[in-house]
């Protein structure tokens, strides 16, 4: 029996599968700086995931094995072997968008943060 994924395992696995292409780190910084709608963010995630892929885990660094598909924003994570043909995805659709917002700090462009310091900064 394989061990259960913690929320931090899921975050690390998500970061790993969405940072695989060259330049992705800068693209995520740019996206966070400007904010994105859910539709824009879904397109960005699908771009970073690609059509389909996966890799073995890296237990020493706390990164679970993964399988991912851009279609449906589906990500399977497992400490064993992700079985996309048998198991439900760990993250899918809106859950994947929510994880991207949490991991990369991407706000919706309509969400305005209050200025707590009255412009003093």
N, C-alpha and C. Protein backbone atom coordinates (compact mmCIF):
# COMPACT_ATOMS: atom_id res chain seq x y z
N UNK A 1 0.84 -1.19 0.00
CA UNK A 1 0.00 0.00 0.00
C UNK A 1 0.88 1.25 0.00
N UNK A 2 0.53 2.18 -0.81
CA UNK A 2 1.30 3.42 -0.92
C UNK A 2 0.81 4.45 0.09
N UNK A 3 1.67 5.35 0.48
CA UNK A 3 1.26 6.36 1.47
C UNK A 3 0.36 7.40 0.82
N UNK A 4 -0.47 8.01 1.64
CA UNK A 4 -1.40 9.04 1.19
C UNK A 4 -0.65 10.33 0.87
N UNK A 5 -1.16 11.08 -0.08
CA UNK A 5 -0.59 12.38 -0.42
C UNK A 5 -1.08 13.43 0.57
N UNK A 6 -0.18 14.25 1.04
CA UNK A 6 -0.56 15.39 1.88
C UNK A 6 -0.85 16.57 0.95
N UNK A 7 -1.40 17.62 1.50
CA UNK A 7 -1.64 18.83 0.70
C UNK A 7 -0.31 19.39 0.18
N UNK A 8 0.73 19.33 0.99
CA UNK A 8 2.03 19.82 0.54
C UNK A 8 2.59 18.94 -0.58
N UNK A 9 2.37 17.63 -0.52
CA UNK A 9 2.77 16.73 -1.61
C UNK A 9 2.07 17.15 -2.90
N UNK A 10 0.79 17.46 -2.80
CA UNK A 10 0.02 17.87 -3.98
C UNK A 10 0.55 19.18 -4.54
N UNK A 11 0.88 20.11 -3.67
CA UNK A 11 1.43 21.40 -4.13
C UNK A 11 2.77 21.21 -4.83
N UNK A 12 3.65 20.38 -4.24
CA UNK A 12 4.94 20.12 -4.86
C UNK A 12 4.78 19.42 -6.20
N UNK A 13 3.89 18.45 -6.26
CA UNK A 13 3.63 17.75 -7.52
C UNK A 13 3.06 18.68 -8.57
N UNK A 14 2.15 19.57 -8.15
CA UNK A 14 1.56 20.54 -9.08
C UNK A 14 2.65 21.46 -9.64
N UNK A 15 3.49 22.00 -8.76
CA UNK A 15 4.58 22.86 -9.21
C UNK A 15 5.48 22.13 -10.20
N UNK A 16 5.77 20.87 -9.91
CA UNK A 16 6.66 20.09 -10.77
C UNK A 16 6.07 19.93 -12.17
N UNK A 17 4.79 19.59 -12.28
CA UNK A 17 4.21 19.35 -13.61
C UNK A 17 3.91 20.63 -14.37
N UNK A 18 3.81 21.76 -13.67
CA UNK A 18 3.51 23.02 -14.36
C UNK A 18 4.75 23.88 -14.58
N UNK A 19 5.91 23.36 -14.27
CA UNK A 19 7.16 24.09 -14.49
C UNK A 19 8.14 23.31 -15.35
N UNK A 20 7.64 22.40 -16.15
CA UNK A 20 8.50 21.53 -16.92
C UNK A 20 9.11 22.15 -18.16
N UNK A 21 8.45 23.14 -18.73
CA UNK A 21 8.96 23.73 -19.98
C UNK A 21 9.85 24.93 -19.70
N UNK A 22 10.82 25.12 -20.57
CA UNK A 22 11.73 26.24 -20.44
C UNK A 22 10.96 27.56 -20.40
N UNK A 23 11.35 28.42 -19.48
CA UNK A 23 10.73 29.73 -19.35
C UNK A 23 9.46 29.75 -18.51
N UNK A 24 9.04 28.60 -18.01
CA UNK A 24 7.77 28.56 -17.27
C UNK A 24 7.81 29.38 -15.98
N UNK A 25 8.94 29.39 -15.30
CA UNK A 25 9.03 30.15 -14.04
C UNK A 25 8.74 31.63 -14.29
N UNK A 26 9.33 32.20 -15.32
CA UNK A 26 9.09 33.61 -15.64
C UNK A 26 7.64 33.82 -16.11
N UNK A 27 7.11 32.88 -16.88
CA UNK A 27 5.72 33.02 -17.32
C UNK A 27 4.78 33.05 -16.14
N UNK A 28 5.01 32.21 -15.11
CA UNK A 28 4.15 32.21 -13.93
C UNK A 28 4.28 33.53 -13.16
N UNK A 29 5.49 34.08 -13.08
CA UNK A 29 5.67 35.38 -12.42
C UNK A 29 4.91 36.47 -13.16
N UNK A 30 4.99 36.46 -14.48
CA UNK A 30 4.28 37.45 -15.28
C UNK A 30 2.76 37.31 -15.11
N UNK A 31 2.29 36.08 -15.09
CA UNK A 31 0.85 35.84 -14.92
C UNK A 31 0.38 36.33 -13.55
N UNK A 32 1.18 36.09 -12.53
CA UNK A 32 0.81 36.54 -11.18
C UNK A 32 0.78 38.05 -11.09
N UNK A 33 1.70 38.71 -11.79
CA UNK A 33 1.78 40.17 -11.74
C UNK A 33 0.56 40.84 -12.35
N UNK A 34 0.00 40.26 -13.41
CA UNK A 34 -1.13 40.91 -14.08
C UNK A 34 -2.48 40.37 -13.67
N UNK A 35 -2.55 39.17 -13.08
CA UNK A 35 -3.82 38.56 -12.76
C UNK A 35 -4.43 37.91 -13.99
N UNK A 36 -5.32 36.95 -13.76
CA UNK A 36 -5.92 36.22 -14.89
C UNK A 36 -7.34 35.79 -14.53
N UNK A 37 -8.20 35.79 -15.53
CA UNK A 37 -9.54 35.22 -15.35
C UNK A 37 -9.38 33.70 -15.27
N UNK A 38 -10.44 33.01 -14.86
CA UNK A 38 -10.39 31.55 -14.82
C UNK A 38 -10.12 30.97 -16.21
N UNK A 39 -10.74 31.55 -17.22
CA UNK A 39 -10.54 31.06 -18.59
C UNK A 39 -9.09 31.26 -19.04
N UNK A 40 -8.53 32.42 -18.77
CA UNK A 40 -7.14 32.68 -19.13
C UNK A 40 -6.20 31.74 -18.38
N UNK A 41 -6.49 31.53 -17.10
CA UNK A 41 -5.64 30.67 -16.29
C UNK A 41 -5.75 29.21 -16.75
N UNK A 42 -6.94 28.78 -17.13
CA UNK A 42 -7.12 27.42 -17.65
C UNK A 42 -6.28 27.23 -18.92
N UNK A 43 -6.29 28.23 -19.79
CA UNK A 43 -5.48 28.15 -21.01
C UNK A 43 -3.98 28.08 -20.68
N UNK A 44 -3.56 28.87 -19.70
CA UNK A 44 -2.14 28.88 -19.31
C UNK A 44 -1.73 27.54 -18.71
N UNK A 45 -2.57 26.97 -17.87
CA UNK A 45 -2.26 25.67 -17.26
C UNK A 45 -2.19 24.60 -18.35
N UNK A 46 -3.16 24.60 -19.25
CA UNK A 46 -3.17 23.62 -20.35
C UNK A 46 -1.91 23.74 -21.18
N UNK A 47 -1.46 24.96 -21.41
CA UNK A 47 -0.22 25.18 -22.17
C UNK A 47 0.96 24.54 -21.45
N UNK A 48 1.07 24.79 -20.14
CA UNK A 48 2.20 24.26 -19.37
C UNK A 48 2.14 22.74 -19.23
N UNK A 49 0.94 22.17 -19.15
CA UNK A 49 0.81 20.71 -19.03
C UNK A 49 1.09 20.01 -20.35
N UNK A 50 0.76 20.67 -21.45
CA UNK A 50 0.91 20.04 -22.75
C UNK A 50 -0.22 19.05 -23.01
N UNK A 51 -0.09 18.30 -24.08
CA UNK A 51 -1.15 17.36 -24.45
C UNK A 51 -1.28 16.26 -23.39
N UNK A 52 -0.18 15.60 -23.07
CA UNK A 52 -0.19 14.54 -22.07
C UNK A 52 1.24 14.19 -21.72
N UNK A 53 1.46 13.79 -20.48
CA UNK A 53 2.80 13.42 -20.07
C UNK A 53 2.81 12.82 -18.68
N UNK A 54 3.98 12.58 -18.17
CA UNK A 54 4.12 12.04 -16.83
C UNK A 54 5.57 11.74 -16.54
N UNK A 55 5.82 11.43 -15.28
CA UNK A 55 7.19 11.08 -14.89
C UNK A 55 7.17 10.34 -13.56
N UNK A 56 8.27 9.69 -13.29
CA UNK A 56 8.45 9.02 -12.01
C UNK A 56 8.58 10.07 -10.92
N UNK A 57 8.37 9.65 -9.71
CA UNK A 57 8.51 10.56 -8.58
C UNK A 57 9.96 10.76 -8.18
N UNK A 58 10.16 11.69 -7.30
CA UNK A 58 11.47 12.02 -6.78
C UNK A 58 11.32 12.13 -5.27
N UNK A 59 11.25 10.97 -4.61
CA UNK A 59 10.93 10.91 -3.19
C UNK A 59 11.88 11.73 -2.33
N UNK A 60 13.17 11.76 -2.70
CA UNK A 60 14.15 12.51 -1.91
C UNK A 60 13.80 14.00 -1.84
N UNK A 61 13.14 14.51 -2.88
CA UNK A 61 12.74 15.92 -2.91
C UNK A 61 11.26 16.10 -2.60
N UNK A 62 10.58 15.00 -2.27
CA UNK A 62 9.17 15.08 -1.92
C UNK A 62 8.25 15.30 -3.11
N UNK A 63 8.66 14.84 -4.28
CA UNK A 63 7.84 15.03 -5.48
C UNK A 63 7.25 13.69 -5.89
N UNK A 64 5.91 13.57 -5.85
CA UNK A 64 5.29 12.31 -6.23
C UNK A 64 5.34 12.07 -7.74
N UNK A 65 5.17 10.82 -8.13
CA UNK A 65 5.06 10.47 -9.55
C UNK A 65 3.80 11.14 -10.10
N UNK A 66 3.79 11.39 -11.42
CA UNK A 66 2.65 12.10 -11.98
C UNK A 66 2.30 11.62 -13.37
N UNK A 67 1.07 11.89 -13.71
CA UNK A 67 0.57 11.77 -15.08
C UNK A 67 -0.32 12.99 -15.26
N UNK A 68 -0.27 13.63 -16.43
CA UNK A 68 -1.07 14.84 -16.60
C UNK A 68 -1.54 14.98 -18.03
N UNK A 69 -2.69 15.66 -18.17
CA UNK A 69 -3.28 15.94 -19.48
C UNK A 69 -3.76 17.38 -19.49
N UNK A 70 -3.41 18.09 -20.55
CA UNK A 70 -3.89 19.46 -20.69
C UNK A 70 -5.40 19.52 -20.83
N UNK A 71 -5.97 18.57 -21.58
CA UNK A 71 -7.42 18.51 -21.75
C UNK A 71 -8.07 18.19 -20.40
N UNK A 72 -8.93 19.08 -19.94
CA UNK A 72 -9.58 18.88 -18.66
C UNK A 72 -8.74 19.28 -17.47
N UNK A 73 -7.52 19.77 -17.73
CA UNK A 73 -6.59 20.19 -16.66
C UNK A 73 -6.45 19.09 -15.61
N UNK A 74 -6.19 17.87 -16.07
CA UNK A 74 -6.16 16.70 -15.20
C UNK A 74 -4.73 16.37 -14.78
N UNK A 75 -4.57 16.15 -13.46
CA UNK A 75 -3.28 15.78 -12.90
C UNK A 75 -3.48 14.63 -11.92
N UNK A 76 -2.78 13.52 -12.18
CA UNK A 76 -2.76 12.40 -11.26
C UNK A 76 -1.43 12.42 -10.54
N UNK A 77 -1.45 12.30 -9.21
CA UNK A 77 -0.23 12.25 -8.41
C UNK A 77 -0.30 11.02 -7.52
N UNK A 78 0.84 10.36 -7.33
CA UNK A 78 0.86 9.16 -6.50
C UNK A 78 2.29 8.88 -6.04
N UNK A 79 2.43 8.29 -4.86
CA UNK A 79 3.75 7.85 -4.41
C UNK A 79 4.10 6.50 -5.02
N UNK A 80 3.12 5.87 -5.65
CA UNK A 80 3.34 4.60 -6.31
C UNK A 80 3.43 4.86 -7.81
N UNK A 81 2.41 4.54 -8.53
CA UNK A 81 2.37 4.76 -9.98
C UNK A 81 1.00 5.33 -10.31
N UNK A 82 0.91 6.54 -10.87
CA UNK A 82 -0.39 7.12 -11.18
C UNK A 82 -1.09 6.31 -12.28
N UNK A 83 -2.27 5.84 -11.99
CA UNK A 83 -3.02 5.01 -12.93
C UNK A 83 -4.18 5.81 -13.50
N UNK A 84 -3.87 6.57 -14.55
CA UNK A 84 -4.87 7.45 -15.14
C UNK A 84 -6.05 6.67 -15.73
N UNK A 85 -5.83 5.45 -16.13
CA UNK A 85 -6.89 4.64 -16.71
C UNK A 85 -7.77 3.98 -15.65
N UNK A 86 -7.37 4.04 -14.37
CA UNK A 86 -8.14 3.41 -13.30
C UNK A 86 -8.66 4.38 -12.25
N UNK A 87 -7.87 5.40 -11.94
CA UNK A 87 -8.19 6.29 -10.81
C UNK A 87 -8.65 7.66 -11.27
N UNK A 88 -9.41 8.30 -10.39
CA UNK A 88 -9.80 9.69 -10.65
C UNK A 88 -8.57 10.58 -10.51
N UNK A 89 -8.52 11.68 -11.26
CA UNK A 89 -7.38 12.59 -11.12
C UNK A 89 -7.31 13.20 -9.72
N UNK A 90 -6.12 13.48 -9.27
CA UNK A 90 -5.92 14.17 -7.99
C UNK A 90 -6.46 15.59 -8.10
N UNK A 91 -6.23 16.23 -9.24
CA UNK A 91 -6.72 17.58 -9.53
C UNK A 91 -7.35 17.56 -10.91
N UNK A 92 -8.46 18.28 -11.05
CA UNK A 92 -9.14 18.33 -12.34
C UNK A 92 -9.93 19.63 -12.43
N UNK A 93 -9.87 20.28 -13.58
CA UNK A 93 -10.70 21.45 -13.85
C UNK A 93 -10.54 22.57 -12.84
N UNK A 94 -11.63 22.90 -12.16
CA UNK A 94 -11.65 24.02 -11.20
C UNK A 94 -10.66 23.80 -10.05
N UNK A 95 -10.46 22.55 -9.65
CA UNK A 95 -9.49 22.26 -8.59
C UNK A 95 -8.07 22.62 -9.04
N UNK A 96 -7.77 22.37 -10.30
CA UNK A 96 -6.45 22.69 -10.84
C UNK A 96 -6.27 24.20 -10.92
N UNK A 97 -7.31 24.91 -11.31
CA UNK A 97 -7.25 26.37 -11.37
C UNK A 97 -7.04 26.93 -9.96
N UNK A 98 -7.77 26.40 -8.98
CA UNK A 98 -7.63 26.86 -7.60
C UNK A 98 -6.21 26.60 -7.09
N UNK A 99 -5.63 25.46 -7.45
CA UNK A 99 -4.27 25.15 -7.02
C UNK A 99 -3.29 26.13 -7.65
N UNK A 100 -3.48 26.47 -8.91
CA UNK A 100 -2.59 27.44 -9.57
C UNK A 100 -2.68 28.80 -8.87
N UNK A 101 -3.87 29.21 -8.51
CA UNK A 101 -4.03 30.49 -7.80
C UNK A 101 -3.29 30.45 -6.46
N UNK A 102 -3.41 29.34 -5.74
CA UNK A 102 -2.77 29.21 -4.43
C UNK A 102 -1.24 29.10 -4.54
N UNK A 103 -0.77 28.28 -5.45
CA UNK A 103 0.67 28.03 -5.58
C UNK A 103 1.41 29.22 -6.16
N UNK A 104 0.85 29.84 -7.19
CA UNK A 104 1.55 30.92 -7.88
C UNK A 104 1.05 32.32 -7.51
N UNK A 105 0.07 32.40 -6.63
CA UNK A 105 -0.43 33.71 -6.19
C UNK A 105 -1.09 34.50 -7.30
N UNK A 106 -1.84 33.83 -8.15
CA UNK A 106 -2.48 34.51 -9.28
C UNK A 106 -3.88 34.93 -8.88
N UNK A 107 -4.09 36.23 -8.87
CA UNK A 107 -5.40 36.78 -8.53
C UNK A 107 -6.24 36.91 -9.80
N UNK A 108 -7.54 36.97 -9.58
CA UNK A 108 -8.46 37.30 -10.67
C UNK A 108 -8.33 38.81 -10.86
N UNK A 109 -8.30 39.31 -12.10
CA UNK A 109 -8.09 40.74 -12.30
C UNK A 109 -9.18 41.63 -11.71
N UNK A 110 -10.36 41.09 -11.44
CA UNK A 110 -11.44 41.87 -10.82
C UNK A 110 -11.32 41.96 -9.31
N UNK A 111 -10.47 41.13 -8.71
CA UNK A 111 -10.27 41.15 -7.26
C UNK A 111 -9.30 42.26 -6.90
N UNK A 112 -9.79 43.26 -6.25
CA UNK A 112 -8.94 44.38 -5.83
C UNK A 112 -8.62 44.23 -4.36
N UNK A 113 -7.34 44.23 -4.04
CA UNK A 113 -6.92 44.14 -2.65
C UNK A 113 -6.98 45.53 -2.02
N UNK A 114 -7.51 45.58 -0.81
CA UNK A 114 -7.58 46.86 -0.12
C UNK A 114 -6.18 47.39 0.18
N UNK A 115 -6.01 48.68 0.09
CA UNK A 115 -4.77 49.33 0.44
C UNK A 115 -4.80 49.57 1.95
N UNK A 116 -4.19 48.71 2.73
CA UNK A 116 -4.26 48.79 4.18
C UNK A 116 -3.43 49.94 4.75
N UNK A 117 -2.54 50.49 3.95
CA UNK A 117 -1.64 51.51 4.46
C UNK A 117 -1.92 52.89 3.85
N UNK A 118 -3.05 53.04 3.16
CA UNK A 118 -3.43 54.34 2.64
C UNK A 118 -2.42 54.95 1.69
N UNK A 119 -1.76 54.14 0.89
CA UNK A 119 -0.78 54.64 -0.06
C UNK A 119 0.55 55.00 0.54
N UNK A 120 0.78 54.64 1.81
CA UNK A 120 2.00 55.01 2.49
C UNK A 120 3.22 54.24 1.98
N UNK A 121 2.99 53.15 1.28
CA UNK A 121 4.14 52.36 0.83
C UNK A 121 4.64 52.83 -0.46
